[in-house]
């Protein structure tokens, strides 16, 4: 059984870009194009060399975490330099985010659960 909420990733190693953010109060009330831009960034990222997938969640109070997965640090650097992504980052700095943190990590091991069940009583 597959869950589209989770990225379908290859075996490690690969890299994770963890973007944690708190949306600005004004954006929580009006959106100001945020959702459209976020969707567009996922579309554009998916066309970039080395992109492996993305997982994202946001609570009603505006705190969110988006993790994008990449084959290499060079692929992450190329994504950072992408012109459309640069515009989105600047819009975030100018008003969409009250605060954000970005972290890059190498994934050495990955597993999930619960294990698949056998038979009709799953």
C-alpha atoms as a PDB file:
ATOM      1  CA  UNK A   1       0.000   0.000   0.000  1.00  0.00           C
ATOM      2  CA  UNK A   2       1.361   3.402  -0.986  1.00  0.00           C
ATOM      3  CA  UNK A   3       0.765   6.753   0.731  1.00  0.00           C
ATOM      4  CA  UNK A   4       1.300   9.753  -1.584  1.00  0.00           C
ATOM      5  CA  UNK A   5       2.024  11.948   1.455  1.00  0.00           C
ATOM      6  CA  UNK A   6       5.442  10.303   1.708  1.00  0.00           C
ATOM      7  CA  UNK A   7       8.151  10.722  -0.920  1.00  0.00           C
ATOM      8  CA  UNK A   8       9.067   7.537  -2.783  1.00  0.00           C
ATOM      9  CA  UNK A   9      12.825   7.598  -2.279  1.00  0.00           C
ATOM     10  CA  UNK A  10      15.745   5.424  -3.374  1.00  0.00           C
ATOM     11  CA  UNK A  11      18.047   3.679  -0.960  1.00  0.00           C
ATOM     12  CA  UNK A  12      20.437   6.068   0.821  1.00  0.00           C
ATOM     13  CA  UNK A  13      22.692   7.886   0.681  1.00  0.00           C
ATOM     14  CA  UNK A  14      21.007  11.081  -0.490  1.00  0.00           C
ATOM     15  CA  UNK A  15      20.461  14.555   0.955  1.00  0.00           C
ATOM     16  CA  UNK A  16      17.561  16.188   2.770  1.00  0.00           C
ATOM     17  CA  UNK A  17      16.916  19.937   2.782  1.00  0.00           C
ATOM     18  CA  UNK A  18      14.784  20.656   5.855  1.00  0.00           C
ATOM     19  CA  UNK A  19      12.946  23.973   5.670  1.00  0.00           C
ATOM     20  CA  UNK A  20      11.093  24.895   8.881  1.00  0.00           C
ATOM     21  CA  UNK A  21       9.058  28.076   8.868  1.00  0.00           C
ATOM     22  CA  UNK A  22       6.514  30.154  10.710  1.00  0.00           C
ATOM     23  CA  UNK A  23       4.249  32.071   8.364  1.00  0.00           C
ATOM     24  CA  UNK A  24       3.730  35.750   9.094  1.00  0.00           C
ATOM     25  CA  UNK A  25       0.349  36.544  10.712  1.00  0.00           C
ATOM     26  CA  UNK A  26      -0.810  38.584   7.688  1.00  0.00           C
ATOM     27  CA  UNK A  27      -0.172  35.615   5.374  1.00  0.00           C
ATOM     28  CA  UNK A  28      -2.211  33.319   7.606  1.00  0.00           C
ATOM     29  CA  UNK A  29      -5.191  35.620   7.104  1.00  0.00           C
ATOM     30  CA  UNK A  30      -4.823  36.454   3.396  1.00  0.00           C
ATOM     31  CA  UNK A  31      -2.420  33.922   1.751  1.00  0.00           C
ATOM     32  CA  UNK A  32      -0.903  36.677  -0.471  1.00  0.00           C
ATOM     33  CA  UNK A  33      -0.069  34.159  -3.214  1.00  0.00           C
ATOM     34  CA  UNK A  34       1.806  31.859  -0.853  1.00  0.00           C
ATOM     35  CA  UNK A  35      -0.037  28.622  -1.643  1.00  0.00           C
ATOM     36  CA  UNK A  36       0.238  29.131  -5.402  1.00  0.00           C
ATOM     37  CA  UNK A  37       3.969  29.822  -5.146  1.00  0.00           C
ATOM     38  CA  UNK A  38       4.537  26.829  -2.860  1.00  0.00           C
ATOM     39  CA  UNK A  39       2.778  24.580  -5.374  1.00  0.00           C
ATOM     40  CA  UNK A  40       4.757  26.072  -8.237  1.00  0.00           C
ATOM     41  CA  UNK A  41       8.048  25.487  -6.409  1.00  0.00           C
ATOM     42  CA  UNK A  42       7.249  21.788  -6.018  1.00  0.00           C
ATOM     43  CA  UNK A  43       6.412  21.600  -9.748  1.00  0.00           C
ATOM     44  CA  UNK A  44       9.657  23.324 -10.740  1.00  0.00           C
ATOM     45  CA  UNK A  45      11.808  21.374  -8.269  1.00  0.00           C
ATOM     46  CA  UNK A  46      10.427  18.111  -9.655  1.00  0.00           C
ATOM     47  CA  UNK A  47      11.936  18.992 -13.060  1.00  0.00           C
ATOM     48  CA  UNK A  48      15.423  19.666 -11.664  1.00  0.00           C
ATOM     49  CA  UNK A  49      18.287  17.188 -11.991  1.00  0.00           C
ATOM     50  CA  UNK A  50      18.788  15.225  -8.781  1.00  0.00           C
ATOM     51  CA  UNK A  51      15.374  15.958  -7.259  1.00  0.00           C
ATOM     52  CA  UNK A  52      14.078  12.837  -5.487  1.00  0.00           C
ATOM     53  CA  UNK A  53      10.880  13.975  -3.745  1.00  0.00           C
ATOM     54  CA  UNK A  54       9.286  16.226  -1.156  1.00  0.00           C
ATOM     55  CA  UNK A  55       7.240  15.925   2.043  1.00  0.00           C
ATOM     56  CA  UNK A  56       5.486  18.864   3.669  1.00  0.00           C
ATOM     57  CA  UNK A  57       3.152  19.660   6.561  1.00  0.00           C
ATOM     58  CA  UNK A  58       1.826  22.872   8.121  1.00  0.00           C
ATOM     59  CA  UNK A  59      -0.319  23.379  11.212  1.00  0.00           C
ATOM     60  CA  UNK A  60      -3.209  25.834  11.559  1.00  0.00           C
ATOM     61  CA  UNK A  61      -0.999  28.263  13.483  1.00  0.00           C
ATOM     62  CA  UNK A  62       1.373  28.617  10.523  1.00  0.00           C
ATOM     63  CA  UNK A  63       4.315  26.426  11.549  1.00  0.00           C
ATOM     64  CA  UNK A  64       5.442  24.161   8.743  1.00  0.00           C
ATOM     65  CA  UNK A  65       8.193  21.810   7.709  1.00  0.00           C
ATOM     66  CA  UNK A  66       9.053  20.940   4.136  1.00  0.00           C
ATOM     67  CA  UNK A  67      11.734  18.379   3.407  1.00  0.00           C
ATOM     68  CA  UNK A  68      13.018  18.079  -0.129  1.00  0.00           C
ATOM     69  CA  UNK A  69      15.298  15.203  -1.061  1.00  0.00           C
ATOM     70  CA  UNK A  70      18.202  15.438  -3.487  1.00  0.00           C
ATOM     71  CA  UNK A  71      20.810  13.142  -4.982  1.00  0.00           C
ATOM     72  CA  UNK A  72      23.785  15.445  -4.274  1.00  0.00           C
ATOM     73  CA  UNK A  73      24.965  18.721  -2.752  1.00  0.00           C
ATOM     74  CA  UNK A  74      25.619  19.993  -6.295  1.00  0.00           C
ATOM     75  CA  UNK A  75      21.953  19.382  -7.155  1.00  0.00           C
ATOM     76  CA  UNK A  76      20.901  21.350  -4.059  1.00  0.00           C
ATOM     77  CA  UNK A  77      23.184  24.231  -5.057  1.00  0.00           C
ATOM     78  CA  UNK A  78      21.738  24.270  -8.569  1.00  0.00           C
ATOM     79  CA  UNK A  79      18.218  24.401  -7.122  1.00  0.00           C
ATOM     80  CA  UNK A  80      19.189  27.295  -4.865  1.00  0.00           C
ATOM     81  CA  UNK A  81      20.488  29.191  -7.928  1.00  0.00           C
ATOM     82  CA  UNK A  82      17.335  28.548 -10.007  1.00  0.00           C
ATOM     83  CA  UNK A  83      15.856  31.936 -11.004  1.00  0.00           C
ATOM     84  CA  UNK A  84      12.223  31.171 -10.112  1.00  0.00           C
ATOM     85  CA  UNK A  85      13.263  29.675  -6.780  1.00  0.00           C
ATOM     86  CA  UNK A  86      15.300  32.812  -6.033  1.00  0.00           C
ATOM     87  CA  UNK A  87      12.186  34.966  -6.572  1.00  0.00           C
ATOM     88  CA  UNK A  88      10.167  32.741  -4.205  1.00  0.00           C
ATOM     89  CA  UNK A  89      12.874  32.905  -1.526  1.00  0.00           C
ATOM     90  CA  UNK A  90      12.936  36.692  -1.705  1.00  0.00           C
ATOM     91  CA  UNK A  91       9.127  36.900  -1.374  1.00  0.00           C
ATOM     92  CA  UNK A  92       9.419  34.704   1.717  1.00  0.00           C
ATOM     93  CA  UNK A  93      12.041  36.943   3.273  1.00  0.00           C
ATOM     94  CA  UNK A  94      10.041  40.094   2.482  1.00  0.00           C
ATOM     95  CA  UNK A  95       6.827  39.028   4.141  1.00  0.00           C
ATOM     96  CA  UNK A  96       5.604  35.450   3.950  1.00  0.00           C
ATOM     97  CA  UNK A  97       7.700  34.246   6.882  1.00  0.00           C
ATOM     98  CA  UNK A  98       7.971  35.552  10.408  1.00  0.00           C
ATOM     99  CA  UNK A  99      10.956  33.184  10.837  1.00  0.00           C
ATOM    100  CA  UNK A 100      12.554  30.252   9.036  1.00  0.00           C
ATOM    101  CA  UNK A 101      15.415  27.797   9.414  1.00  0.00           C
ATOM    102  CA  UNK A 102      17.052  25.720   6.699  1.00  0.00           C
ATOM    103  CA  UNK A 103      19.165  22.662   7.336  1.00  0.00           C
ATOM    104  CA  UNK A 104      20.893  20.290   4.929  1.00  0.00           C
ATOM    105  CA  UNK A 105      21.651  16.732   6.023  1.00  0.00           C
ATOM    106  CA  UNK A 106      23.001  13.593   4.421  1.00  0.00           C
ATOM    107  CA  UNK A 107      20.646  10.644   4.869  1.00  0.00           C
ATOM    108  CA  UNK A 108      22.677   7.551   5.655  1.00  0.00           C
ATOM    109  CA  UNK A 109      19.890   5.187   6.646  1.00  0.00           C
ATOM    110  CA  UNK A 110      16.115   5.155   6.116  1.00  0.00           C
ATOM    111  CA  UNK A 111      13.299   2.790   7.010  1.00  0.00           C
ATOM    112  CA  UNK A 112       9.557   2.944   7.688  1.00  0.00           C
ATOM    113  CA  UNK A 113       6.706   1.018   9.189  1.00  0.00           C
ATOM    114  CA  UNK A 114       4.557  -0.591  10.262  1.00  0.00           C
ATOM    115  CA  UNK A 115       5.548  -3.678   8.322  1.00  0.00           C
ATOM    116  CA  UNK A 116       3.179  -4.894   5.610  1.00  0.00           C
ATOM    117  CA  UNK A 117       0.618  -7.409   6.816  1.00  0.00           C
ATOM    118  CA  UNK A 118      -0.065 -10.681   5.105  1.00  0.00           C
ATOM    119  CA  UNK A 119      -3.506 -12.058   4.382  1.00  0.00           C
ATOM    120  CA  UNK A 120      -7.039 -10.630   4.320  1.00  0.00           C
ATOM    121  CA  UNK A 121      -7.121  -9.343   7.950  1.00  0.00           C
ATOM    122  CA  UNK A 122      -4.693  -6.449   7.325  1.00  0.00           C
END
